[in-house]
Amino acid sequence: MNNATSLAALIDRATKCAAANTGAAMHSSALVCLDDARELAADGDSISAARRALKAIAYSAGIFHADYRSALASYDAWYLSAKGGSR
C-alpha cells in the first residue's frame, strides 16, 4: 500500500468515526479537523493531513478507544514509511 492510499484510508476512518460519534462533546472539533485533513491532503501536505485526521478520531472517540489506538498504530507505520524509516 502506498502513502496516498494509507492517507486516504486514515481520513476515511476518521470520517466514519466522526459519523458514528455525533454525540461526542468535541464532535464539532472533529469535523474541523476532518476539513483540515482533506484540505491539507489536497494541497499535498500528507503528514499534516494525517495528523489532523488522527486528531479528528481523538475528538470523536477519545484517545482510549480502540479506533484511536488502531489509527495511531497505522499512523506510526505510515509516518515512518513516509519519512524513509526514521523519525
PDB file of N, CA and C in Angstrom:
ATOM      1  N   MET A   1       0.852  -1.182   0.000  1.00  0.00           N
ATOM      2  CA  MET A   1       0.000   0.000   0.000  1.00  0.00           C
ATOM      3  C   MET A   1       0.892   1.238   0.000  1.00  0.00           C
ATOM      4  N   ASN A   2       0.555   2.191  -0.870  1.00  0.00           N
ATOM      5  CA  ASN A   2       1.379   3.395  -0.938  1.00  0.00           C
ATOM      6  C   ASN A   2       0.901   4.452   0.057  1.00  0.00           C
ATOM      7  N   ASN A   3       1.655   5.521   0.183  1.00  0.00           N
ATOM      8  CA  ASN A   3       1.334   6.551   1.172  1.00  0.00           C
ATOM      9  C   ASN A   3       0.019   7.253   0.894  1.00  0.00           C
ATOM     10  N   ALA A   4      -0.302   7.502  -0.371  1.00  0.00           N
ATOM     11  CA  ALA A   4      -1.572   8.166  -0.700  1.00  0.00           C
ATOM     12  C   ALA A   4      -2.747   7.293  -0.315  1.00  0.00           C
ATOM     13  N   THR A   5      -2.640   5.992  -0.554  1.00  0.00           N
ATOM     14  CA  THR A   5      -3.705   5.068  -0.186  1.00  0.00           C
ATOM     15  C   THR A   5      -3.859   5.011   1.327  1.00  0.00           C
ATOM     16  N   SER A   6      -2.740   4.972   2.046  1.00  0.00           N
ATOM     17  CA  SER A   6      -2.779   4.936   3.509  1.00  0.00           C
ATOM     18  C   SER A   6      -3.400   6.208   4.078  1.00  0.00           C
ATOM     19  N   LEU A   7      -3.056   7.342   3.506  1.00  0.00           N
ATOM     20  CA  LEU A   7      -3.628   8.605   3.956  1.00  0.00           C
ATOM     21  C   LEU A   7      -5.122   8.632   3.698  1.00  0.00           C
ATOM     22  N   ALA A   8      -5.534   8.197   2.520  1.00  0.00           N
ATOM     23  CA  ALA A   8      -6.967   8.160   2.207  1.00  0.00           C
ATOM     24  C   ALA A   8      -7.707   7.241   3.179  1.00  0.00           C
ATOM     25  N   ALA A   9      -7.091   6.114   3.527  1.00  0.00           N
ATOM     26  CA  ALA A   9      -7.714   5.180   4.469  1.00  0.00           C
ATOM     27  C   ALA A   9      -7.831   5.810   5.854  1.00  0.00           C
ATOM     28  N   LEU A  10      -6.824   6.557   6.272  1.00  0.00           N
ATOM     29  CA  LEU A  10      -6.863   7.211   7.580  1.00  0.00           C
ATOM     30  C   LEU A  10      -7.944   8.287   7.610  1.00  0.00           C
ATOM     31  N   ILE A  11      -8.046   9.072   6.564  1.00  0.00           N
ATOM     32  CA  ILE A  11      -9.083  10.102   6.502  1.00  0.00           C
ATOM     33  C   ILE A  11     -10.462   9.452   6.455  1.00  0.00           C
ATOM     34  N   ASP A  12     -10.591   8.349   5.735  1.00  0.00           N
ATOM     35  CA  ASP A  12     -11.859   7.621   5.688  1.00  0.00           C
ATOM     36  C   ASP A  12     -12.230   7.082   7.064  1.00  0.00           C
ATOM     37  N   ARG A  13     -11.254   6.535   7.782  1.00  0.00           N
ATOM     38  CA  ARG A  13     -11.508   6.032   9.137  1.00  0.00           C
ATOM     39  C   ARG A  13     -11.960   7.163  10.052  1.00  0.00           C
ATOM     40  N   ALA A  14     -11.326   8.315   9.942  1.00  0.00           N
ATOM     41  CA  ALA A  14     -11.715   9.467  10.766  1.00  0.00           C
ATOM     42  C   ALA A  14     -13.123   9.935  10.424  1.00  0.00           C
ATOM     43  N   THR A  15     -13.466   9.909   9.148  1.00  0.00           N
ATOM     44  CA  THR A  15     -14.806  10.302   8.713  1.00  0.00           C
ATOM     45  C   THR A  15     -15.856   9.365   9.299  1.00  0.00           C
ATOM     46  N   LYS A  16     -15.601   8.072   9.228  1.00  0.00           N
ATOM     47  CA  LYS A  16     -16.548   7.087   9.769  1.00  0.00           C
ATOM     48  C   LYS A  16     -16.659   7.204  11.281  1.00  0.00           C
ATOM     49  N   CYS A  17     -15.562   7.455  11.936  1.00  0.00           N
ATOM     50  CA  CYS A  17     -15.564   7.594  13.389  1.00  0.00           C
ATOM     51  C   CYS A  17     -16.372   8.824  13.806  1.00  0.00           C
ATOM     52  N   ALA A  18     -16.200   9.924  13.084  1.00  0.00           N
ATOM     53  CA  ALA A  18     -16.960  11.142  13.388  1.00  0.00           C
ATOM     54  C   ALA A  18     -18.446  10.918  13.148  1.00  0.00           C
ATOM     55  N   ALA A  19     -18.779  10.211  12.083  1.00  0.00           N
ATOM     56  CA  ALA A  19     -20.190   9.936  11.779  1.00  0.00           C
ATOM     57  C   ALA A  19     -20.826   9.031  12.829  1.00  0.00           C
ATOM     58  N   ALA A  20     -20.038   8.125  13.396  1.00  0.00           N
ATOM     59  CA  ALA A  20     -20.562   7.189  14.391  1.00  0.00           C
ATOM     60  C   ALA A  20     -20.664   7.796  15.782  1.00  0.00           C
ATOM     61  N   ASN A  21     -20.010   8.924  15.996  1.00  0.00           N
ATOM     62  CA  ASN A  21     -19.967   9.526  17.330  1.00  0.00           C
ATOM     63  C   ASN A  21     -20.454  10.973  17.314  1.00  0.00           C
ATOM     64  N   THR A  22     -21.620  11.181  16.718  1.00  0.00           N
ATOM     65  CA  THR A  22     -22.127  12.553  16.590  1.00  0.00           C
ATOM     66  C   THR A  22     -22.470  13.191  17.931  1.00  0.00           C
ATOM     67  N   GLY A  23     -22.622  12.384  18.960  1.00  0.00           N
ATOM     68  CA  GLY A  23     -22.930  12.926  20.280  1.00  0.00           C
ATOM     69  C   GLY A  23     -21.707  13.261  21.108  1.00  0.00           C
ATOM     70  N   ALA A  24     -20.535  13.063  20.553  1.00  0.00           N
ATOM     71  CA  ALA A  24     -19.303  13.347  21.291  1.00  0.00           C
ATOM     72  C   ALA A  24     -19.219  14.838  21.626  1.00  0.00           C
ATOM     73  N   ALA A  25     -18.683  15.120  22.800  1.00  0.00           N
ATOM     74  CA  ALA A  25     -18.588  16.506  23.260  1.00  0.00           C
ATOM     75  C   ALA A  25     -17.766  17.371  22.304  1.00  0.00           C
ATOM     76  N   MET A  26     -16.795  16.774  21.657  1.00  0.00           N
ATOM     77  CA  MET A  26     -15.900  17.520  20.773  1.00  0.00           C
ATOM     78  C   MET A  26     -16.182  17.229  19.299  1.00  0.00           C
ATOM     79  N   HIS A  27     -17.412  16.866  18.980  1.00  0.00           N
ATOM     80  CA  HIS A  27     -17.761  16.495  17.607  1.00  0.00           C
ATOM     81  C   HIS A  27     -17.482  17.628  16.621  1.00  0.00           C
ATOM     82  N   SER A  28     -17.812  18.850  16.981  1.00  0.00           N
ATOM     83  CA  SER A  28     -17.573  19.965  16.055  1.00  0.00           C
ATOM     84  C   SER A  28     -16.076  20.147  15.801  1.00  0.00           C
ATOM     85  N   SER A  29     -15.257  19.906  16.810  1.00  0.00           N
ATOM     86  CA  SER A  29     -13.806  19.988  16.625  1.00  0.00           C
ATOM     87  C   SER A  29     -13.314  18.873  15.710  1.00  0.00           C
ATOM     88  N   ALA A  30     -13.909  17.699  15.846  1.00  0.00           N
ATOM     89  CA  ALA A  30     -13.553  16.589  14.964  1.00  0.00           C
ATOM     90  C   ALA A  30     -13.857  16.945  13.510  1.00  0.00           C
ATOM     91  N   LEU A  31     -14.984  17.588  13.271  1.00  0.00           N
ATOM     92  CA  LEU A  31     -15.355  17.973  11.910  1.00  0.00           C
ATOM     93  C   LEU A  31     -14.398  19.015  11.338  1.00  0.00           C
ATOM     94  N   VAL A  32     -13.955  19.945  12.168  1.00  0.00           N
ATOM     95  CA  VAL A  32     -12.970  20.936  11.726  1.00  0.00           C
ATOM     96  C   VAL A  32     -11.664  20.234  11.352  1.00  0.00           C
ATOM     97  N   CYS A  33     -11.244  19.282  12.180  1.00  0.00           N
ATOM     98  CA  CYS A  33     -10.020  18.525  11.882  1.00  0.00           C
ATOM     99  C   CYS A  33     -10.155  17.758  10.574  1.00  0.00           C
ATOM    100  N   LEU A  34     -11.332  17.173  10.341  1.00  0.00           N
ATOM    101  CA  LEU A  34     -11.558  16.450   9.087  1.00  0.00           C
ATOM    102  C   LEU A  34     -11.464  17.377   7.884  1.00  0.00           C
ATOM    103  N   ASP A  35     -12.078  18.541   7.989  1.00  0.00           N
ATOM    104  CA  ASP A  35     -11.975  19.514   6.894  1.00  0.00           C
ATOM    105  C   ASP A  35     -10.521  19.902   6.651  1.00  0.00           C
ATOM    106  N   ASP A  36      -9.796  20.137   7.741  1.00  0.00           N
ATOM    107  CA  ASP A  36      -8.372  20.471   7.625  1.00  0.00           C
ATOM    108  C   ASP A  36      -7.602  19.336   6.951  1.00  0.00           C
ATOM    109  N   ALA A  37      -7.878  18.098   7.364  1.00  0.00           N
ATOM    110  CA  ALA A  37      -7.165  16.937   6.808  1.00  0.00           C
ATOM    111  C   ALA A  37      -7.394  16.829   5.309  1.00  0.00           C
ATOM    112  N   ARG A  38      -8.634  16.995   4.889  1.00  0.00           N
ATOM    113  CA  ARG A  38      -8.938  16.904   3.461  1.00  0.00           C
ATOM    114  C   ARG A  38      -8.245  18.023   2.672  1.00  0.00           C
ATOM    115  N   GLU A  39      -8.266  19.227   3.216  1.00  0.00           N
ATOM    116  CA  GLU A  39      -7.639  20.362   2.540  1.00  0.00           C
ATOM    117  C   GLU A  39      -6.119  20.184   2.464  1.00  0.00           C
ATOM    118  N   LEU A  40      -5.518  19.755   3.563  1.00  0.00           N
ATOM    119  CA  LEU A  40      -4.079  19.540   3.582  1.00  0.00           C
ATOM    120  C   LEU A  40      -3.670  18.425   2.615  1.00  0.00           C
ATOM    121  N   ALA A  41      -4.484  17.372   2.557  1.00  0.00           N
ATOM    122  CA  ALA A  41      -4.200  16.278   1.618  1.00  0.00           C
ATOM    123  C   ALA A  41      -4.270  16.780   0.179  1.00  0.00           C
ATOM    124  N   ALA A  42      -5.276  17.592  -0.114  1.00  0.00           N
ATOM    125  CA  ALA A  42      -5.416  18.146  -1.466  1.00  0.00           C
ATOM    126  C   ALA A  42      -4.241  19.059  -1.817  1.00  0.00           C
ATOM    127  N   ASP A  43      -3.690  19.730  -0.806  1.00  0.00           N
ATOM    128  CA  ASP A  43      -2.542  20.615  -1.022  1.00  0.00           C
ATOM    129  C   ASP A  43      -1.208  19.867  -1.053  1.00  0.00           C
ATOM    130  N   GLY A  44      -1.245  18.556  -0.801  1.00  0.00           N
ATOM    131  CA  GLY A  44      -0.032  17.757  -0.849  1.00  0.00           C
ATOM    132  C   GLY A  44       0.734  17.650   0.457  1.00  0.00           C
ATOM    133  N   ASP A  45       0.184  18.184   1.532  1.00  0.00           N
ATOM    134  CA  ASP A  45       0.846  18.109   2.845  1.00  0.00           C
ATOM    135  C   ASP A  45       0.310  16.883   3.586  1.00  0.00           C
ATOM    136  N   SER A  46       0.802  15.725   3.178  1.00  0.00           N
ATOM    137  CA  SER A  46       0.239  14.468   3.675  1.00  0.00           C
ATOM    138  C   SER A  46       0.504  14.223   5.159  1.00  0.00           C
ATOM    139  N   ILE A  47       1.642  14.631   5.662  1.00  0.00           N
ATOM    140  CA  ILE A  47       1.938  14.397   7.084  1.00  0.00           C
ATOM    141  C   ILE A  47       1.013  15.225   7.965  1.00  0.00           C
ATOM    142  N   SER A  48       0.827  16.498   7.645  1.00  0.00           N
ATOM    143  CA  SER A  48      -0.098  17.327   8.421  1.00  0.00           C
ATOM    144  C   SER A  48      -1.530  16.829   8.275  1.00  0.00           C
ATOM    145  N   ALA A  49      -1.884  16.367   7.088  1.00  0.00           N
ATOM    146  CA  ALA A  49      -3.229  15.828   6.857  1.00  0.00           C
ATOM    147  C   ALA A  49      -3.464  14.607   7.724  1.00  0.00           C
ATOM    148  N   ALA A  50      -2.487  13.731   7.803  1.00  0.00           N
ATOM    149  CA  ALA A  50      -2.619  12.526   8.631  1.00  0.00           C
ATOM    150  C   ALA A  50      -2.745  12.890  10.105  1.00  0.00           C
ATOM    151  N   ARG A  51      -1.985  13.867  10.541  1.00  0.00           N
ATOM    152  CA  ARG A  51      -2.069  14.298  11.944  1.00  0.00           C
ATOM    153  C   ARG A  51      -3.452  14.866  12.276  1.00  0.00           C
ATOM    154  N   ARG A  52      -4.012  15.643  11.349  1.00  0.00           N
ATOM    155  CA  ARG A  52      -5.346  16.208  11.584  1.00  0.00           C
ATOM    156  C   ARG A  52      -6.420  15.122  11.574  1.00  0.00           C
ATOM    157  N   ALA A  53      -6.260  14.121  10.714  1.00  0.00           N
ATOM    158  CA  ALA A  53      -7.213  13.005  10.685  1.00  0.00           C
ATOM    159  C   ALA A  53      -7.144  12.227  11.997  1.00  0.00           C
ATOM    160  N   LEU A  54      -5.948  12.003  12.492  1.00  0.00           N
ATOM    161  CA  LEU A  54      -5.785  11.316  13.767  1.00  0.00           C
ATOM    162  C   LEU A  54      -6.408  12.127  14.903  1.00  0.00           C
ATOM    163  N   LYS A  55      -6.223  13.435  14.864  1.00  0.00           N
ATOM    164  CA  LYS A  55      -6.823  14.317  15.874  1.00  0.00           C
ATOM    165  C   LYS A  55      -8.345  14.246  15.812  1.00  0.00           C
ATOM    166  N   ALA A  56      -8.897  14.132  14.614  1.00  0.00           N
ATOM    167  CA  ALA A  56     -10.354  14.006  14.461  1.00  0.00           C
ATOM    168  C   ALA A  56     -10.865  12.749  15.153  1.00  0.00           C
ATOM    169  N   ILE A  57     -10.125  11.661  15.023  1.00  0.00           N
ATOM    170  CA  ILE A  57     -10.524  10.425  15.702  1.00  0.00           C
ATOM    171  C   ILE A  57     -10.438  10.598  17.211  1.00  0.00           C
ATOM    172  N   ALA A  58      -9.409  11.265  17.673  1.00  0.00           N
ATOM    173  CA  ALA A  58      -9.277  11.515  19.110  1.00  0.00           C
ATOM    174  C   ALA A  58     -10.459  12.321  19.633  1.00  0.00           C
ATOM    175  N   TYR A  59     -10.868  13.342  18.892  1.00  0.00           N
ATOM    176  CA  TYR A  59     -12.011  14.148  19.301  1.00  0.00           C
ATOM    177  C   TYR A  59     -13.317  13.365  19.223  1.00  0.00           C
ATOM    178  N   SER A  60     -13.438  12.484  18.244  1.00  0.00           N
ATOM    179  CA  SER A  60     -14.676  11.735  18.053  1.00  0.00           C
ATOM    180  C   SER A  60     -14.850  10.609  19.064  1.00  0.00           C
ATOM    181  N   ALA A  61     -13.802   9.812  19.216  1.00  0.00           N
ATOM    182  CA  ALA A  61     -13.926   8.589  20.013  1.00  0.00           C
ATOM    183  C   ALA A  61     -13.177   8.652  21.339  1.00  0.00           C
ATOM    184  N   GLY A  62     -12.155   9.466  21.410  1.00  0.00           N
ATOM    185  CA  GLY A  62     -11.329   9.537  22.609  1.00  0.00           C
ATOM    186  C   GLY A  62     -10.049   8.740  22.426  1.00  0.00           C
ATOM    187  N   ILE A  63      -9.026   9.119  23.167  1.00  0.00           N
ATOM    188  CA  ILE A  63      -7.708   8.516  22.975  1.00  0.00           C
ATOM    189  C   ILE A  63      -7.601   7.106  23.553  1.00  0.00           C
ATOM    190  N   PHE A  64      -8.570   6.692  24.350  1.00  0.00           N
ATOM    191  CA  PHE A  64      -8.529   5.347  24.907  1.00  0.00           C
ATOM    192  C   PHE A  64      -9.370   4.363  24.097  1.00  0.00           C
ATOM    193  N   HIS A  65     -10.064   4.835  23.098  1.00  0.00           N
ATOM    194  CA  HIS A  65     -10.919   3.985  22.267  1.00  0.00           C
ATOM    195  C   HIS A  65     -10.070   3.146  21.309  1.00  0.00           C
ATOM    196  N   ALA A  66     -10.554   1.950  21.013  1.00  0.00           N
ATOM    197  CA  ALA A  66      -9.828   1.037  20.119  1.00  0.00           C
ATOM    198  C   ALA A  66      -9.610   1.641  18.733  1.00  0.00           C
ATOM    199  N   ASP A  67     -10.563   2.426  18.226  1.00  0.00           N
ATOM    200  CA  ASP A  67     -10.405   3.051  16.913  1.00  0.00           C
ATOM    201  C   ASP A  67      -9.205   3.999  16.905  1.00  0.00           C
ATOM    202  N   TYR A  68      -9.054   4.761  17.980  1.00  0.00           N
ATOM    203  CA  TYR A  68      -7.927   5.690  18.049  1.00  0.00           C
ATOM    204  C   TYR A  68      -6.613   4.925  18.151  1.00  0.00           C
ATOM    205  N   ARG A  69      -6.570   3.917  19.014  1.00  0.00           N
ATOM    206  CA  ARG A  69      -5.341   3.142  19.202  1.00  0.00           C
ATOM    207  C   ARG A  69      -4.899   2.490  17.890  1.00  0.00           C
ATOM    208  N   SER A  70      -5.865   1.931  17.179  1.00  0.00           N
ATOM    209  CA  SER A  70      -5.575   1.292  15.896  1.00  0.00           C
ATOM    210  C   SER A  70      -5.087   2.319  14.867  1.00  0.00           C
ATOM    211  N   ALA A  71      -5.758   3.455  14.811  1.00  0.00           N
ATOM    212  CA  ALA A  71      -5.362   4.508  13.873  1.00  0.00           C
ATOM    213  C   ALA A  71      -3.983   5.052  14.218  1.00  0.00           C
ATOM    214  N   LEU A  72      -3.690   5.174  15.498  1.00  0.00           N
ATOM    215  CA  LEU A  72      -2.379   5.660  15.923  1.00  0.00           C
ATOM    216  C   LEU A  72      -1.273   4.695  15.482  1.00  0.00           C
ATOM    217  N   ALA A  73      -1.508   3.408  15.638  1.00  0.00           N
ATOM    218  CA  ALA A  73      -0.524   2.413  15.197  1.00  0.00           C
ATOM    219  C   ALA A  73      -0.336   2.487  13.682  1.00  0.00           C
ATOM    220  N   SER A  74      -1.431   2.641  12.951  1.00  0.00           N
ATOM    221  CA  SER A  74      -1.341   2.774  11.494  1.00  0.00           C
ATOM    222  C   SER A  74      -0.597   4.044  11.119  1.00  0.00           C
ATOM    223  N   TYR A  75      -0.889   5.136  11.835  1.00  0.00           N
ATOM    224  CA  TYR A  75      -0.209   6.405  11.567  1.00  0.00           C
ATOM    225  C   TYR A  75       1.293   6.276  11.796  1.00  0.00           C
ATOM    226  N   ASP A  76       1.679   5.628  12.899  1.00  0.00           N
ATOM    227  CA  ASP A  76       3.102   5.475  13.187  1.00  0.00           C
ATOM    228  C   ASP A  76       3.810   4.728  12.058  1.00  0.00           C
ATOM    229  N   ALA A  77       3.210   3.638  11.591  1.00  0.00           N
ATOM    230  CA  ALA A  77       3.805   2.873  10.496  1.00  0.00           C
ATOM    231  C   ALA A  77       3.833   3.704   9.215  1.00  0.00           C
ATOM    232  N   TRP A  78       2.750   4.408   8.950  1.00  0.00           N
ATOM    233  CA  TRP A  78       2.659   5.255   7.757  1.00  0.00           C
ATOM    234  C   TRP A  78       3.703   6.374   7.809  1.00  0.00           C
ATOM    235  N   TYR A  79       3.808   7.012   8.958  1.00  0.00           N
ATOM    236  CA  TYR A  79       4.749   8.121   9.121  1.00  0.00           C
ATOM    237  C   TYR A  79       6.177   7.659   8.870  1.00  0.00           C
ATOM    238  N   LEU A  80       6.530   6.518   9.437  1.00  0.00           N
ATOM    239  CA  LEU A  80       7.888   6.011   9.246  1.00  0.00           C
ATOM    240  C   LEU A  80       8.176   5.715   7.778  1.00  0.00           C
ATOM    241  N   SER A  81       7.196   5.168   7.079  1.00  0.00           N
ATOM    242  CA  SER A  81       7.423   4.889   5.660  1.00  0.00           C
ATOM    243  C   SER A  81       7.482   6.182   4.854  1.00  0.00           C
ATOM    244  N   ALA A  82       6.677   7.172   5.229  1.00  0.00           N
ATOM    245  CA  ALA A  82       6.670   8.464   4.514  1.00  0.00           C
ATOM    246  C   ALA A  82       7.985   9.211   4.728  1.00  0.00           C
ATOM    247  N   LYS A  83       8.593   9.022   5.885  1.00  0.00           N
ATOM    248  CA  LYS A  83       9.849   9.704   6.208  1.00  0.00           C
ATOM    249  C   LYS A  83      11.081   8.861   5.876  1.00  0.00           C
ATOM    250  N   GLY A  84      10.872   7.726   5.252  1.00  0.00           N
ATOM    251  CA  GLY A  84      12.011   6.898   4.865  1.00  0.00           C
ATOM    252  C   GLY A  84      12.551   6.029   5.979  1.00  0.00           C
ATOM    253  N   GLY A  85      11.740   5.738   6.987  1.00  0.00           N
ATOM    254  CA  GLY A  85      12.140   4.796   8.031  1.00  0.00           C
ATOM    255  C   GLY A  85      12.703   5.410   9.289  1.00  0.00           C
ATOM    256  N   SER A  86      12.728   6.733   9.414  1.00  0.00           N
ATOM    257  CA  SER A  86      13.232   7.342  10.638  1.00  0.00           C
ATOM    258  C   SER A  86      12.387   8.545  11.031  1.00  0.00           C
ATOM    259  N   ARG A  87      12.349   8.830  12.290  1.00  0.00           N
ATOM    260  CA  ARG A  87      11.591   9.969  12.797  1.00  0.00           C
ATOM    261  C   ARG A  87      12.475  11.164  12.678  1.00  0.00           C
TER     262      ARG A  87
END
